[in-house]
Amino acid sequence: MRCGQMLSLLPTGDISPSLFYSRSRDTQSCCNDFSSFVDANICARIWLYPTNSRQRTTPEDTMNSIMTEYWPTFEMYQSLRTQLMEILTDEELRFSPGGANPTLGALCKEIGEIEHAYIESFKHFTMDFSYRNPEAALEQSVARLTAWFAELDQELKATIAGLSEEEVQNKVVVRGPNFQLPLQIQLAVYQEALLIFYGKATVYLKALNKEPSQQWREWIG
């Protein structure tokens, strides 16, 4: 195959012939006249391996579709919990509106235990809500809750990021008899659990006369 034939194979608007280079072990000569290429092997080699258009693999190329398409939105919902912790004090964690309602700290601890259950569900593809954090003083410390939430969030992200695209497309989480969810929907259900928690926490904030963040006011109320 001669160069005229090779040129016809190049995509329209691809690499200009004037940019092609003829390379050998000892010399490098710029070939301004593409028609001077008569060696089909040289033409094929340069066409297949242009020096200025080599493909590079980026981290995004290896991410699964949950991480590329859904995770950025999910993180915005997740960040509301961090915003909540930023305005609370240890004393306020002990507040309860009365009746059978738990303290605000116990409510915060519960959502952490729920997140732990969801993390495990993405590892083992079954749902189990039996986990309870054994640290007794956890629900009385803003600092400890904040640190624990950060650890959980990092673990959740690492677990989701570690899933292959094949797993994302084909695996399901067994939540009970005749109840299975695809992985992205499973994460969406956890997002709903966060929203339920935020709704409950809003009642406590109003009773405490605490003003939440602007995002919280716009998204939750």
N, C-alpha and C. Protein backbone atom coordinates (compact mmCIF):
# COMPACT_ATOMS: atom_id res chain seq x y z
N MET A 1 0.87 -1.20 0.00
CA MET A 1 0.00 0.00 0.00
C MET A 1 0.89 1.23 0.00
N ARG A 2 0.62 2.19 -0.92
CA ARG A 2 1.43 3.38 -1.00
C ARG A 2 0.79 4.50 -0.19
N CYS A 3 1.51 5.63 -0.08
CA CYS A 3 1.07 6.68 0.83
C CYS A 3 -0.26 7.29 0.42
N GLY A 4 -0.51 7.36 -0.87
CA GLY A 4 -1.79 7.89 -1.31
C GLY A 4 -2.94 7.07 -0.77
N GLN A 5 -2.74 5.75 -0.76
CA GLN A 5 -3.77 4.87 -0.21
C GLN A 5 -3.86 5.03 1.30
N MET A 6 -2.72 5.17 1.98
CA MET A 6 -2.73 5.36 3.43
C MET A 6 -3.44 6.65 3.79
N LEU A 7 -3.21 7.71 3.02
CA LEU A 7 -3.83 8.99 3.30
C LEU A 7 -5.34 8.89 3.26
N SER A 8 -5.85 8.05 2.32
CA SER A 8 -7.31 7.90 2.21
C SER A 8 -7.91 7.21 3.42
N LEU A 9 -7.07 6.52 4.22
CA LEU A 9 -7.57 5.83 5.40
C LEU A 9 -7.61 6.73 6.63
N LEU A 10 -6.91 7.87 6.56
CA LEU A 10 -6.89 8.75 7.71
C LEU A 10 -8.23 9.42 7.91
N PRO A 11 -8.69 9.57 9.17
CA PRO A 11 -9.95 10.27 9.43
C PRO A 11 -9.86 11.72 8.98
N THR A 12 -10.96 12.23 8.43
CA THR A 12 -10.99 13.62 8.00
C THR A 12 -10.71 14.54 9.18
N GLY A 13 -9.85 15.53 8.95
CA GLY A 13 -9.56 16.47 10.02
C GLY A 13 -8.62 15.92 11.07
N ASP A 14 -7.97 14.76 10.77
CA ASP A 14 -7.07 14.18 11.77
C ASP A 14 -5.74 14.90 11.69
N ILE A 15 -4.66 14.19 11.74
CA ILE A 15 -3.33 14.78 11.85
C ILE A 15 -2.86 15.27 10.48
N SER A 16 -2.39 16.49 10.41
CA SER A 16 -1.91 17.07 9.16
C SER A 16 -0.68 16.31 8.67
N PRO A 17 -0.61 16.02 7.35
CA PRO A 17 0.57 15.32 6.83
C PRO A 17 1.86 16.03 7.16
N SER A 18 1.83 17.37 7.25
CA SER A 18 3.07 18.11 7.51
C SER A 18 3.61 17.85 8.89
N LEU A 19 2.80 17.23 9.78
CA LEU A 19 3.25 16.98 11.14
C LEU A 19 3.82 15.58 11.31
N PHE A 20 3.76 14.77 10.24
CA PHE A 20 4.27 13.41 10.35
C PHE A 20 5.79 13.41 10.35
N TYR A 21 6.35 12.45 11.07
CA TYR A 21 7.79 12.32 11.16
C TYR A 21 8.21 10.92 10.76
N SER A 22 9.34 10.86 10.07
CA SER A 22 9.94 9.57 9.77
C SER A 22 11.03 9.34 10.80
N ARG A 23 10.94 8.22 11.53
CA ARG A 23 11.88 7.95 12.61
C ARG A 23 12.68 6.68 12.30
N SER A 24 13.93 6.67 12.70
CA SER A 24 14.75 5.47 12.66
C SER A 24 15.62 5.46 13.90
N ARG A 25 16.44 4.48 14.04
CA ARG A 25 17.28 4.39 15.24
C ARG A 25 18.28 5.53 15.29
N ASP A 26 18.76 5.99 14.14
CA ASP A 26 19.87 6.94 14.14
C ASP A 26 19.47 8.35 13.71
N THR A 27 18.36 8.47 13.02
CA THR A 27 18.02 9.78 12.47
C THR A 27 16.55 10.07 12.68
N GLN A 28 16.26 11.36 12.62
CA GLN A 28 14.86 11.81 12.67
C GLN A 28 14.73 12.94 11.66
N SER A 29 13.96 12.71 10.62
CA SER A 29 13.85 13.73 9.58
C SER A 29 12.40 14.12 9.39
N CYS A 30 12.16 15.40 9.30
CA CYS A 30 10.80 15.90 9.11
C CYS A 30 10.45 15.79 7.64
N CYS A 31 9.32 15.22 7.34
CA CYS A 31 8.89 15.03 5.96
C CYS A 31 7.76 16.00 5.67
N ASN A 32 8.07 17.11 5.05
CA ASN A 32 7.05 18.11 4.78
C ASN A 32 6.15 17.72 3.62
N ASP A 33 6.65 16.89 2.77
CA ASP A 33 5.86 16.46 1.62
C ASP A 33 5.39 15.04 1.87
N PHE A 34 4.10 14.89 2.20
CA PHE A 34 3.59 13.57 2.57
C PHE A 34 3.69 12.59 1.41
N SER A 35 3.62 13.10 0.18
CA SER A 35 3.66 12.21 -0.97
C SER A 35 5.01 11.54 -1.13
N SER A 36 6.03 12.07 -0.43
CA SER A 36 7.35 11.46 -0.54
C SER A 36 7.46 10.16 0.21
N PHE A 37 6.44 9.86 1.08
CA PHE A 37 6.45 8.59 1.79
C PHE A 37 6.05 7.48 0.83
N VAL A 38 6.97 6.62 0.53
CA VAL A 38 6.68 5.52 -0.38
C VAL A 38 6.74 4.19 0.32
N ASP A 39 7.24 4.20 1.51
CA ASP A 39 7.31 2.95 2.28
C ASP A 39 6.03 2.81 3.08
N ALA A 40 5.19 1.86 2.75
CA ALA A 40 3.89 1.69 3.42
C ALA A 40 4.06 1.37 4.89
N ASN A 41 5.12 0.68 5.25
CA ASN A 41 5.32 0.34 6.66
C ASN A 41 5.56 1.59 7.50
N ILE A 42 6.34 2.52 6.95
CA ILE A 42 6.59 3.76 7.67
C ILE A 42 5.30 4.55 7.82
N CYS A 43 4.52 4.62 6.74
CA CYS A 43 3.26 5.35 6.80
C CYS A 43 2.33 4.76 7.85
N ALA A 44 2.22 3.44 7.84
CA ALA A 44 1.32 2.78 8.78
C ALA A 44 1.77 3.02 10.21
N ARG A 45 3.09 2.95 10.41
CA ARG A 45 3.62 3.13 11.76
C ARG A 45 3.33 4.53 12.28
N ILE A 46 3.52 5.54 11.43
CA ILE A 46 3.30 6.92 11.86
C ILE A 46 1.82 7.19 12.06
N TRP A 47 0.98 6.60 11.20
CA TRP A 47 -0.47 6.80 11.32
C TRP A 47 -1.00 6.19 12.62
N LEU A 48 -0.48 5.01 12.95
CA LEU A 48 -0.97 4.32 14.13
C LEU A 48 -0.41 4.92 15.41
N TYR A 49 0.79 5.51 15.35
CA TYR A 49 1.42 6.03 16.55
C TYR A 49 1.82 7.49 16.38
N PRO A 50 0.89 8.41 16.17
CA PRO A 50 1.25 9.83 16.07
C PRO A 50 1.86 10.31 17.38
N THR A 51 2.91 11.11 17.25
CA THR A 51 3.65 11.51 18.45
C THR A 51 2.88 12.46 19.34
N ASN A 52 1.92 13.20 18.78
CA ASN A 52 1.25 14.22 19.58
C ASN A 52 -0.20 13.89 19.89
N SER A 53 -0.62 12.63 19.71
CA SER A 53 -2.03 12.29 20.00
C SER A 53 -2.16 10.94 20.67
N ARG A 54 -1.19 10.57 21.48
CA ARG A 54 -1.27 9.30 22.18
C ARG A 54 -2.31 9.37 23.29
N GLN A 55 -3.04 8.28 23.43
CA GLN A 55 -4.08 8.22 24.45
C GLN A 55 -3.47 8.00 25.82
N ARG A 56 -4.01 8.68 26.79
CA ARG A 56 -3.56 8.51 28.17
C ARG A 56 -4.73 8.04 29.02
N THR A 57 -4.47 7.12 29.91
CA THR A 57 -5.50 6.62 30.81
C THR A 57 -5.59 7.55 32.01
N THR A 58 -6.79 8.00 32.31
CA THR A 58 -7.02 8.86 33.46
C THR A 58 -7.78 8.09 34.52
N PRO A 59 -7.76 8.54 35.79
CA PRO A 59 -8.52 7.84 36.83
C PRO A 59 -10.00 7.70 36.48
N GLU A 60 -10.55 8.71 35.76
CA GLU A 60 -11.97 8.66 35.41
C GLU A 60 -12.28 7.48 34.50
N ASP A 61 -11.27 7.06 33.69
CA ASP A 61 -11.50 5.95 32.77
C ASP A 61 -11.76 4.65 33.50
N THR A 62 -11.29 4.52 34.73
CA THR A 62 -11.43 3.26 35.46
C THR A 62 -12.55 3.32 36.50
N MET A 63 -13.21 4.46 36.65
CA MET A 63 -14.30 4.57 37.61
C MET A 63 -15.55 3.87 37.10
N ASN A 64 -16.31 3.31 38.04
CA ASN A 64 -17.58 2.72 37.64
C ASN A 64 -18.62 3.83 37.46
N SER A 65 -19.77 3.48 36.89
CA SER A 65 -20.77 4.48 36.52
C SER A 65 -21.42 5.14 37.74
N ILE A 66 -21.46 4.46 38.89
CA ILE A 66 -22.00 5.12 40.08
C ILE A 66 -21.11 6.30 40.46
N MET A 67 -19.81 6.10 40.42
CA MET A 67 -18.88 7.16 40.81
C MET A 67 -18.90 8.32 39.82
N THR A 68 -19.02 8.04 38.54
CA THR A 68 -18.96 9.11 37.55
C THR A 68 -20.29 9.83 37.37
N GLU A 69 -21.41 9.11 37.53
CA GLU A 69 -22.70 9.69 37.20
C GLU A 69 -23.55 10.08 38.41
N TYR A 70 -23.38 9.37 39.54
CA TYR A 70 -24.29 9.58 40.66
C TYR A 70 -23.60 10.14 41.91
N TRP A 71 -22.37 9.73 42.13
CA TRP A 71 -21.70 10.08 43.38
C TRP A 71 -21.60 11.59 43.64
N PRO A 72 -21.24 12.41 42.65
CA PRO A 72 -21.13 13.85 42.93
C PRO A 72 -22.41 14.45 43.50
N THR A 73 -23.56 14.02 43.00
CA THR A 73 -24.84 14.50 43.54
C THR A 73 -25.08 13.94 44.94
N PHE A 74 -24.79 12.67 45.12
CA PHE A 74 -24.98 12.04 46.43
C PHE A 74 -24.16 12.75 47.50
N GLU A 75 -22.93 13.14 47.17
CA GLU A 75 -22.07 13.80 48.15
C GLU A 75 -22.65 15.12 48.65
N MET A 76 -23.43 15.78 47.82
CA MET A 76 -24.04 17.03 48.26
C MET A 76 -25.07 16.77 49.35
N TYR A 77 -25.80 15.67 49.23
CA TYR A 77 -26.74 15.30 50.30
C TYR A 77 -25.98 14.86 51.55
N GLN A 78 -24.91 14.12 51.34
CA GLN A 78 -24.12 13.62 52.46
C GLN A 78 -23.50 14.77 53.26
N SER A 79 -23.14 15.84 52.58
CA SER A 79 -22.46 16.96 53.25
C SER A 79 -23.37 17.69 54.25
N LEU A 80 -24.67 17.52 54.12
CA LEU A 80 -25.58 18.19 55.06
C LEU A 80 -25.36 17.72 56.49
N ARG A 81 -25.00 16.46 56.65
CA ARG A 81 -24.75 15.95 58.00
C ARG A 81 -23.54 16.64 58.62
N THR A 82 -22.51 16.87 57.81
CA THR A 82 -21.34 17.60 58.30
C THR A 82 -21.73 19.01 58.72
N GLN A 83 -22.59 19.64 57.93
CA GLN A 83 -23.05 20.99 58.26
C GLN A 83 -23.84 21.00 59.56
N LEU A 84 -24.59 19.94 59.81
CA LEU A 84 -25.33 19.83 61.07
C LEU A 84 -24.38 19.78 62.25
N MET A 85 -23.36 18.94 62.15
CA MET A 85 -22.44 18.77 63.27
C MET A 85 -21.68 20.06 63.57
N GLU A 86 -21.48 20.89 62.56
CA GLU A 86 -20.72 22.13 62.74
C GLU A 86 -21.44 23.14 63.62
N ILE A 87 -22.76 23.01 63.78
CA ILE A 87 -23.50 24.01 64.56
C ILE A 87 -23.95 23.47 65.92
N LEU A 88 -23.62 22.21 66.22
CA LEU A 88 -24.07 21.61 67.48
C LEU A 88 -23.00 21.67 68.56
N THR A 89 -23.45 21.60 69.81
CA THR A 89 -22.56 21.48 70.96
C THR A 89 -22.82 20.15 71.65
N ASP A 90 -21.90 19.76 72.51
CA ASP A 90 -22.09 18.51 73.26
C ASP A 90 -23.37 18.58 74.11
N GLU A 91 -23.62 19.71 74.70
CA GLU A 91 -24.81 19.86 75.54
C GLU A 91 -26.09 19.66 74.72
N GLU A 92 -26.10 20.18 73.50
CA GLU A 92 -27.29 20.07 72.65
C GLU A 92 -27.54 18.63 72.20
N LEU A 93 -26.49 17.82 72.16
CA LEU A 93 -26.67 16.41 71.81
C LEU A 93 -27.52 15.68 72.86
N ARG A 94 -27.56 16.20 74.06
CA ARG A 94 -28.33 15.56 75.13
C ARG A 94 -29.81 15.98 75.12
N PHE A 95 -30.16 16.85 74.19
CA PHE A 95 -31.54 17.35 74.14
C PHE A 95 -32.50 16.32 73.55
N SER A 96 -33.67 16.22 74.16
CA SER A 96 -34.78 15.42 73.63
C SER A 96 -36.05 16.25 73.72
N PRO A 97 -36.89 16.22 72.69
CA PRO A 97 -38.14 16.98 72.75
C PRO A 97 -39.19 16.37 73.67
N GLY A 98 -38.86 15.23 74.27
CA GLY A 98 -39.78 14.63 75.22
C GLY A 98 -40.48 13.40 74.67
N GLY A 99 -41.29 12.79 75.52
CA GLY A 99 -41.99 11.59 75.11
C GLY A 99 -41.03 10.44 74.87
N ALA A 100 -41.31 9.66 73.85
CA ALA A 100 -40.46 8.51 73.52
C ALA A 100 -39.32 8.87 72.58
N ASN A 101 -39.13 10.16 72.31
CA ASN A 101 -38.09 10.59 71.39
C ASN A 101 -36.70 10.41 72.00
N PRO A 102 -35.73 9.95 71.19
CA PRO A 102 -34.36 9.82 71.70
C PRO A 102 -33.70 11.18 71.79
N THR A 103 -32.54 11.23 72.39
CA THR A 103 -31.76 12.47 72.39
C THR A 103 -31.25 12.72 70.97
N LEU A 104 -30.86 13.96 70.72
CA LEU A 104 -30.31 14.29 69.40
C LEU A 104 -29.04 13.49 69.14
N GLY A 105 -28.24 13.30 70.18
CA GLY A 105 -27.02 12.51 70.02
C GLY A 105 -27.31 11.07 69.64
N ALA A 106 -28.34 10.48 70.26
CA ALA A 106 -28.72 9.11 69.93
C ALA A 106 -29.22 9.02 68.50
N LEU A 107 -29.92 10.05 68.06
CA LEU A 107 -30.41 10.09 66.67
C LEU A 107 -29.23 10.14 65.70
N CYS A 108 -28.21 10.92 66.04
CA CYS A 108 -27.02 11.01 65.20
C CYS A 108 -26.27 9.68 65.18
N LYS A 109 -26.17 9.04 66.32
CA LYS A 109 -25.51 7.74 66.38
C LYS A 109 -26.24 6.72 65.52
N GLU A 110 -27.56 6.78 65.53
CA GLU A 110 -28.36 5.83 64.76
C GLU A 110 -28.09 5.95 63.26
N ILE A 111 -27.98 7.18 62.73
CA ILE A 111 -27.74 7.33 61.30
C ILE A 111 -26.34 6.83 60.94
N GLY A 112 -25.39 6.93 61.87
CA GLY A 112 -24.07 6.35 61.63
C GLY A 112 -24.12 4.84 61.55
N GLU A 113 -24.91 4.23 62.41
CA GLU A 113 -25.07 2.77 62.39
C GLU A 113 -25.77 2.32 61.11
N ILE A 114 -26.69 3.14 60.63
CA ILE A 114 -27.35 2.84 59.36
C ILE A 114 -26.36 2.93 58.21
N GLU A 115 -25.50 3.95 58.22
CA GLU A 115 -24.49 4.06 57.16
C GLU A 115 -23.57 2.85 57.18
N HIS A 116 -23.18 2.42 58.37
CA HIS A 116 -22.33 1.23 58.49
C HIS A 116 -23.01 0.03 57.83
N ALA A 117 -24.31 -0.12 58.04
CA ALA A 117 -25.04 -1.24 57.45
C ALA A 117 -25.01 -1.17 55.92
N TYR A 118 -25.14 0.04 55.38
CA TYR A 118 -25.10 0.18 53.93
C TYR A 118 -23.70 -0.09 53.37
N ILE A 119 -22.68 0.34 54.08
CA ILE A 119 -21.31 0.04 53.64
C ILE A 119 -21.12 -1.47 53.53
N GLU A 120 -21.54 -2.20 54.56
CA GLU A 120 -21.40 -3.65 54.54
C GLU A 120 -22.22 -4.28 53.43
N SER A 121 -23.35 -3.66 53.10
CA SER A 121 -24.19 -4.22 52.04
C SER A 121 -23.51 -4.16 50.68
N PHE A 122 -22.65 -3.16 50.48
CA PHE A 122 -21.92 -3.06 49.22
C PHE A 122 -20.70 -3.98 49.19
N LYS A 123 -20.34 -4.51 50.33
CA LYS A 123 -19.25 -5.48 50.39
C LYS A 123 -19.75 -6.91 50.26
N HIS A 124 -20.88 -7.20 50.90
CA HIS A 124 -21.37 -8.58 50.98
C HIS A 124 -22.68 -8.80 50.24
N PHE A 125 -23.29 -7.72 49.74
CA PHE A 125 -24.51 -7.78 48.93
C PHE A 125 -25.70 -8.37 49.68
N THR A 126 -25.71 -8.16 50.98
CA THR A 126 -26.86 -8.47 51.82
C THR A 126 -27.05 -7.30 52.79
N MET A 127 -28.27 -7.12 53.28
CA MET A 127 -28.59 -6.01 54.16
C MET A 127 -28.81 -6.52 55.57
N ASP A 128 -28.08 -5.92 56.53
CA ASP A 128 -28.18 -6.33 57.93
C ASP A 128 -28.09 -5.08 58.80
N PHE A 129 -29.15 -4.78 59.52
CA PHE A 129 -29.20 -3.57 60.35
C PHE A 129 -28.87 -3.85 61.81
N SER A 130 -28.28 -4.97 62.11
CA SER A 130 -28.09 -5.36 63.51
C SER A 130 -26.90 -4.66 64.19
N TYR A 131 -26.01 -4.02 63.41
CA TYR A 131 -24.81 -3.42 64.00
C TYR A 131 -25.16 -2.28 64.95
N ARG A 132 -24.48 -2.25 66.11
CA ARG A 132 -24.58 -1.14 67.06
C ARG A 132 -23.17 -0.74 67.49
N ASN A 133 -22.86 0.52 67.40
CA ASN A 133 -21.55 1.01 67.83
C ASN A 133 -21.45 0.88 69.35
N PRO A 134 -20.43 0.18 69.87
CA PRO A 134 -20.36 -0.07 71.31
C PRO A 134 -19.85 1.10 72.14
N GLU A 135 -19.39 2.18 71.50
CA GLU A 135 -18.83 3.30 72.26
C GLU A 135 -19.94 4.08 72.95
N ALA A 136 -20.01 3.95 74.26
CA ALA A 136 -21.13 4.52 75.03
C ALA A 136 -21.18 6.04 74.96
N ALA A 137 -20.01 6.69 74.99
CA ALA A 137 -19.97 8.15 75.04
C ALA A 137 -20.08 8.80 73.67
N LEU A 138 -20.19 8.00 72.63
CA LEU A 138 -20.18 8.54 71.26
C LEU A 138 -21.28 9.56 71.04
N GLU A 139 -22.49 9.26 71.50
CA GLU A 139 -23.63 10.13 71.23
C GLU A 139 -23.61 11.41 72.05
N GLN A 140 -22.62 11.55 72.94
CA GLN A 140 -22.53 12.75 73.76
C GLN A 140 -21.39 13.68 73.34
N SER A 141 -20.73 13.36 72.24
CA SER A 141 -19.57 14.14 71.81
C SER A 141 -19.67 14.52 70.33
N VAL A 142 -19.74 15.81 70.07
CA VAL A 142 -19.77 16.28 68.69
C VAL A 142 -18.48 15.89 67.97
N ALA A 143 -17.35 16.02 68.65
CA ALA A 143 -16.07 15.70 68.04
C ALA A 143 -15.99 14.23 67.65
N ARG A 144 -16.43 13.35 68.55
CA ARG A 144 -16.37 11.91 68.26
C ARG A 144 -17.34 11.54 67.14
N LEU A 145 -18.53 12.08 67.17
CA LEU A 145 -19.48 11.80 66.09
C LEU A 145 -18.96 12.30 64.75
N THR A 146 -18.40 13.50 64.75
CA THR A 146 -17.87 14.07 63.51
C THR A 146 -16.75 13.20 62.94
N ALA A 147 -15.84 12.76 63.81
CA ALA A 147 -14.74 11.90 63.36
C ALA A 147 -15.26 10.57 62.83
N TRP A 148 -16.24 10.00 63.53
CA TRP A 148 -16.81 8.72 63.10
C TRP A 148 -17.52 8.86 61.76
N PHE A 149 -18.29 9.92 61.60
CA PHE A 149 -18.97 10.14 60.32
C PHE A 149 -17.96 10.27 59.18
N ALA A 150 -16.85 10.97 59.43
CA ALA A 150 -15.83 11.13 58.40
C ALA A 150 -15.23 9.78 58.01
N GLU A 151 -14.98 8.93 58.99
CA GLU A 151 -14.46 7.59 58.71
C GLU A 151 -15.46 6.77 57.90
N LEU A 152 -16.72 6.85 58.29
CA LEU A 152 -17.75 6.11 57.56
C LEU A 152 -17.87 6.60 56.12
N ASP A 153 -17.85 7.91 55.94
CA ASP A 153 -17.98 8.48 54.60
C ASP A 153 -16.82 8.06 53.71
N GLN A 154 -15.62 8.06 54.26
CA GLN A 154 -14.45 7.62 53.49
C GLN A 154 -14.55 6.15 53.12
N GLU A 155 -15.02 5.34 54.06
CA GLU A 155 -15.15 3.91 53.79
C GLU A 155 -16.24 3.64 52.76
N LEU A 156 -17.33 4.38 52.85
CA LEU A 156 -18.40 4.20 51.86
C LEU A 156 -17.91 4.55 50.47
N LYS A 157 -17.21 5.66 50.34
CA LYS A 157 -16.69 6.07 49.04
C LYS A 157 -15.69 5.06 48.50
N ALA A 158 -14.79 4.59 49.33
CA ALA A 158 -13.80 3.61 48.89
C ALA A 158 -14.47 2.31 48.47
N THR A 159 -15.50 1.91 49.19
CA THR A 159 -16.20 0.67 48.87
C THR A 159 -16.92 0.78 47.54
N ILE A 160 -17.61 1.89 47.32
CA ILE A 160 -18.32 2.09 46.05
C ILE A 160 -17.32 2.19 44.90
N ALA A 161 -16.24 2.94 45.12
CA ALA A 161 -15.23 3.11 44.07
C ALA A 161 -14.55 1.80 43.72
N GLY A 162 -14.49 0.88 44.68
CA GLY A 162 -13.84 -0.41 44.45
C GLY A 162 -14.67 -1.40 43.67
N LEU A 163 -15.93 -1.07 43.41
CA LEU A 163 -16.79 -1.96 42.63
C LEU A 163 -16.43 -1.88 41.16
N SER A 164 -16.44 -3.01 40.49
CA SER A 164 -16.23 -3.00 39.05
C SER A 164 -17.53 -2.61 38.35
N GLU A 165 -17.41 -2.18 37.10
CA GLU A 165 -18.62 -1.84 36.36
C GLU A 165 -19.51 -3.06 36.16
N GLU A 166 -18.90 -4.22 36.02
CA GLU A 166 -19.68 -5.45 35.90
C GLU A 166 -20.51 -5.69 37.15
N GLU A 167 -19.92 -5.45 38.32
CA GLU A 167 -20.67 -5.60 39.57
C GLU A 167 -21.80 -4.58 39.66
N VAL A 168 -21.51 -3.35 39.27
CA VAL A 168 -22.53 -2.31 39.31
C VAL A 168 -23.73 -2.68 38.45
N GLN A 169 -23.45 -3.27 37.30
CA GLN A 169 -24.52 -3.60 36.37
C GLN A 169 -25.26 -4.88 36.73
N ASN A 170 -24.60 -5.81 37.41
CA ASN A 170 -25.19 -7.14 37.58
C ASN A 170 -25.47 -7.57 39.01
N LYS A 171 -24.77 -6.99 39.98
CA LYS A 171 -24.98 -7.41 41.37
C LYS A 171 -26.23 -6.75 41.96
N VAL A 172 -26.82 -7.42 42.93
CA VAL A 172 -27.95 -6.86 43.68
C VAL A 172 -27.69 -7.06 45.16
N VAL A 173 -28.33 -6.23 45.98
CA VAL A 173 -28.27 -6.38 47.43
C VAL A 173 -29.57 -7.04 47.88
N VAL A 174 -29.42 -8.15 48.58
CA VAL A 174 -30.59 -8.86 49.10
C VAL A 174 -30.98 -8.21 50.42
N ARG A 175 -32.14 -7.58 50.44
CA ARG A 175 -32.60 -6.88 51.64
C ARG A 175 -33.63 -7.69 52.43
N GLY A 176 -34.10 -8.76 51.85
CA GLY A 176 -35.09 -9.61 52.51
C GLY A 176 -35.69 -10.57 51.51
N PRO A 177 -36.61 -11.40 51.94
CA PRO A 177 -37.26 -12.33 51.03
C PRO A 177 -37.95 -11.59 49.88
N ASN A 178 -37.59 -11.97 48.67
CA ASN A 178 -38.19 -11.37 47.47
C ASN A 178 -37.97 -9.85 47.40
N PHE A 179 -36.89 -9.38 47.99
CA PHE A 179 -36.59 -7.94 47.98
C PHE A 179 -35.12 -7.74 47.69
N GLN A 180 -34.81 -7.41 46.44
CA GLN A 180 -33.44 -7.19 46.01
C GLN A 180 -33.36 -5.87 45.26
N LEU A 181 -32.25 -5.17 45.45
CA LEU A 181 -32.08 -3.88 44.78
C LEU A 181 -30.76 -3.82 44.03
N PRO A 182 -30.74 -3.26 42.82
CA PRO A 182 -29.48 -2.97 42.14
C PRO A 182 -28.65 -2.01 42.98
N LEU A 183 -27.35 -2.00 42.75
CA LEU A 183 -26.45 -1.26 43.63
C LEU A 183 -26.70 0.24 43.63
N GLN A 184 -26.95 0.83 42.48
CA GLN A 184 -27.17 2.28 42.48
C GLN A 184 -28.47 2.63 43.20
N ILE A 185 -29.49 1.81 43.05
CA ILE A 185 -30.74 2.07 43.77
C ILE A 185 -30.52 1.88 45.27
N GLN A 186 -29.69 0.91 45.63
CA GLN A 186 -29.36 0.71 47.05
C GLN A 186 -28.75 1.98 47.64
N LEU A 187 -27.85 2.62 46.90
CA LEU A 187 -27.26 3.86 47.38
C LEU A 187 -28.30 4.98 47.44
N ALA A 188 -29.22 4.99 46.48
CA ALA A 188 -30.29 5.99 46.48
C ALA A 188 -31.20 5.81 47.69
N VAL A 189 -31.42 4.57 48.11
CA VAL A 189 -32.24 4.32 49.30
C VAL A 189 -31.53 4.84 50.54
N TYR A 190 -30.20 4.68 50.60
CA TYR A 190 -29.47 5.26 51.73
C TYR A 190 -29.58 6.78 51.72
N GLN A 191 -29.57 7.38 50.54
CA GLN A 191 -29.78 8.83 50.45
C GLN A 191 -31.14 9.21 51.04
N GLU A 192 -32.15 8.39 50.80
CA GLU A 192 -33.47 8.64 51.39
C GLU A 192 -33.41 8.53 52.92
N ALA A 193 -32.61 7.59 53.41
CA ALA A 193 -32.45 7.46 54.87
C ALA A 193 -31.83 8.72 55.45
N LEU A 194 -30.87 9.30 54.73
CA LEU A 194 -30.28 10.56 55.18
C LEU A 194 -31.33 11.67 55.23
N LEU A 195 -32.18 11.73 54.21
CA LEU A 195 -33.21 12.76 54.18
C LEU A 195 -34.20 12.60 55.34
N ILE A 196 -34.53 11.35 55.67
CA ILE A 196 -35.41 11.11 56.82
C ILE A 196 -34.74 11.60 58.10
N PHE A 197 -33.45 11.30 58.23
CA PHE A 197 -32.69 11.77 59.40
C PHE A 197 -32.68 13.29 59.46
N TYR A 198 -32.45 13.94 58.32
CA TYR A 198 -32.42 15.41 58.30
C TYR A 198 -33.77 15.99 58.70
N GLY A 199 -34.85 15.35 58.26
CA GLY A 199 -36.18 15.82 58.64
C GLY A 199 -36.40 15.73 60.13
N LYS A 200 -35.97 14.62 60.74
CA LYS A 200 -36.09 14.48 62.19
C LYS A 200 -35.22 15.51 62.91
N ALA A 201 -33.99 15.66 62.43
CA ALA A 201 -33.06 16.59 63.08
C ALA A 201 -33.57 18.02 63.02
N THR A 202 -34.30 18.35 61.97
CA THR A 202 -34.85 19.70 61.83
C THR A 202 -35.80 20.03 62.98
N VAL A 203 -36.58 19.05 63.42
CA VAL A 203 -37.49 19.25 64.55
C VAL A 203 -36.69 19.62 65.80
N TYR A 204 -35.57 18.92 66.02
CA TYR A 204 -34.72 19.19 67.18
C TYR A 204 -34.11 20.59 67.07
N LEU A 205 -33.66 20.95 65.85
CA LEU A 205 -33.04 22.26 65.67
C LEU A 205 -34.03 23.39 65.96
N LYS A 206 -35.26 23.22 65.51
CA LYS A 206 -36.28 24.24 65.76
C LYS A 206 -36.57 24.36 67.25
N ALA A 207 -36.62 23.22 67.93
CA ALA A 207 -36.88 23.24 69.38
C ALA A 207 -35.73 23.90 70.13
N LEU A 208 -34.52 23.80 69.58
CA LEU A 208 -33.34 24.40 70.20
C LEU A 208 -33.09 25.83 69.72
N ASN A 209 -33.96 26.32 68.82
CA ASN A 209 -33.76 27.64 68.23
C ASN A 209 -32.41 27.75 67.52
N LYS A 210 -32.03 26.66 66.84
CA LYS A 210 -30.77 26.64 66.10
C LYS A 210 -31.07 26.88 64.62
N GLU A 211 -30.29 27.77 64.00
CA GLU A 211 -30.46 28.03 62.57
C GLU A 211 -29.47 27.17 61.78
N PRO A 212 -29.96 26.30 60.91
CA PRO A 212 -29.06 25.46 60.13
C PRO A 212 -28.42 26.24 58.98
N SER A 213 -27.60 25.57 58.21
CA SER A 213 -26.91 26.20 57.08
C SER A 213 -27.91 26.60 55.99
N GLN A 214 -27.45 27.44 55.07
CA GLN A 214 -28.31 27.88 53.98
C GLN A 214 -28.74 26.69 53.12
N GLN A 215 -27.81 25.80 52.81
CA GLN A 215 -28.17 24.62 52.02
C GLN A 215 -29.22 23.79 52.74
N TRP A 216 -29.06 23.63 54.04
CA TRP A 216 -30.04 22.88 54.84
C TRP A 216 -31.41 23.54 54.74
N ARG A 217 -31.46 24.86 54.90
CA ARG A 217 -32.75 25.57 54.85
C ARG A 217 -33.40 25.43 53.48
N GLU A 218 -32.59 25.45 52.43
CA GLU A 218 -33.13 25.37 51.07
C GLU A 218 -33.55 23.94 50.71
N TRP A 219 -32.81 22.95 51.19
CA TRP A 219 -33.07 21.57 50.79
C TRP A 219 -34.02 20.85 51.75
N ILE A 220 -33.95 21.18 53.02
CA ILE A 220 -34.71 20.43 54.03
C ILE A 220 -35.85 21.28 54.61
N GLY A 221 -35.55 22.53 54.94
CA GLY A 221 -36.58 23.40 55.50
C GLY A 221 -36.17 23.99 56.82
